[in-house]
């Protein structure tokens, strides 16, 4: 769980960095990655 949280936070920080630099495709990929980790965390908590 802690590993997923760290990966989620890294993806979040990357998405903010990409948004500020105007790299739209990289920003959207980071948002997709964040969504993936968030779903995994929710699935772990539910079980």
C-alpha atoms as a PDB file:
ATOM      1  CA  UNK A   1       0.000   0.000   0.000  1.00  0.00           C
ATOM      2  CA  UNK A   2       2.826   2.373   0.910  1.00  0.00           C
ATOM      3  CA  UNK A   3       4.502   1.622  -2.421  1.00  0.00           C
ATOM      4  CA  UNK A   4       1.307   2.469  -4.316  1.00  0.00           C
ATOM      5  CA  UNK A   5       0.936   5.698  -2.374  1.00  0.00           C
ATOM      6  CA  UNK A   6       4.490   6.712  -3.265  1.00  0.00           C
ATOM      7  CA  UNK A   7       3.936   5.904  -6.951  1.00  0.00           C
ATOM      8  CA  UNK A   8       0.682   7.885  -6.908  1.00  0.00           C
ATOM      9  CA  UNK A   9       2.411  10.914  -5.382  1.00  0.00           C
ATOM     10  CA  UNK A  10       5.243  10.699  -7.935  1.00  0.00           C
ATOM     11  CA  UNK A  11       2.740  10.590 -10.791  1.00  0.00           C
ATOM     12  CA  UNK A  12       0.911  13.553  -9.254  1.00  0.00           C
ATOM     13  CA  UNK A  13       4.097  15.604  -9.007  1.00  0.00           C
ATOM     14  CA  UNK A  14       5.035  14.671 -12.576  1.00  0.00           C
ATOM     15  CA  UNK A  15       1.621  15.707 -13.847  1.00  0.00           C
ATOM     16  CA  UNK A  16       1.946  19.117 -12.188  1.00  0.00           C
ATOM     17  CA  UNK A  17       5.409  19.554 -13.702  1.00  0.00           C
ATOM     18  CA  UNK A  18       4.195  18.559 -17.176  1.00  0.00           C
ATOM     19  CA  UNK A  19       1.181  20.872 -16.934  1.00  0.00           C
ATOM     20  CA  UNK A  20       3.423  23.825 -16.054  1.00  0.00           C
ATOM     21  CA  UNK A  21       5.756  23.039 -18.972  1.00  0.00           C
ATOM     22  CA  UNK A  22       2.858  22.753 -21.418  1.00  0.00           C
ATOM     23  CA  UNK A  23       3.515  19.107 -22.264  1.00  0.00           C
ATOM     24  CA  UNK A  24      -0.106  18.108 -22.729  1.00  0.00           C
ATOM     25  CA  UNK A  25       0.339  14.482 -23.845  1.00  0.00           C
ATOM     26  CA  UNK A  26       2.754  13.726 -20.979  1.00  0.00           C
ATOM     27  CA  UNK A  27       0.344  15.448 -18.581  1.00  0.00           C
ATOM     28  CA  UNK A  28      -2.555  13.271 -19.725  1.00  0.00           C
ATOM     29  CA  UNK A  29      -0.421  10.131 -19.445  1.00  0.00           C
ATOM     30  CA  UNK A  30       0.440  11.076 -15.869  1.00  0.00           C
ATOM     31  CA  UNK A  31      -3.247  11.544 -15.078  1.00  0.00           C
ATOM     32  CA  UNK A  32      -3.961   8.069 -16.462  1.00  0.00           C
ATOM     33  CA  UNK A  33      -1.142   6.661 -14.322  1.00  0.00           C
ATOM     34  CA  UNK A  34      -2.559   8.416 -11.237  1.00  0.00           C
ATOM     35  CA  UNK A  35      -5.983   6.930 -11.970  1.00  0.00           C
ATOM     36  CA  UNK A  36      -4.457   3.441 -12.254  1.00  0.00           C
ATOM     37  CA  UNK A  37      -2.742   3.684  -8.857  1.00  0.00           C
ATOM     38  CA  UNK A  38      -5.819   5.182  -7.224  1.00  0.00           C
ATOM     39  CA  UNK A  39      -7.958   2.258  -8.474  1.00  0.00           C
ATOM     40  CA  UNK A  40      -5.413  -0.234  -7.127  1.00  0.00           C
ATOM     41  CA  UNK A  41      -5.399   1.477  -3.723  1.00  0.00           C
ATOM     42  CA  UNK A  42      -9.206   1.424  -3.585  1.00  0.00           C
ATOM     43  CA  UNK A  43      -9.235  -2.273  -4.521  1.00  0.00           C
ATOM     44  CA  UNK A  44      -6.741  -3.095  -1.766  1.00  0.00           C
ATOM     45  CA  UNK A  45      -8.719  -1.173   0.854  1.00  0.00           C
ATOM     46  CA  UNK A  46     -11.965  -2.854  -0.215  1.00  0.00           C
ATOM     47  CA  UNK A  47     -10.531  -6.349   0.328  1.00  0.00           C
END
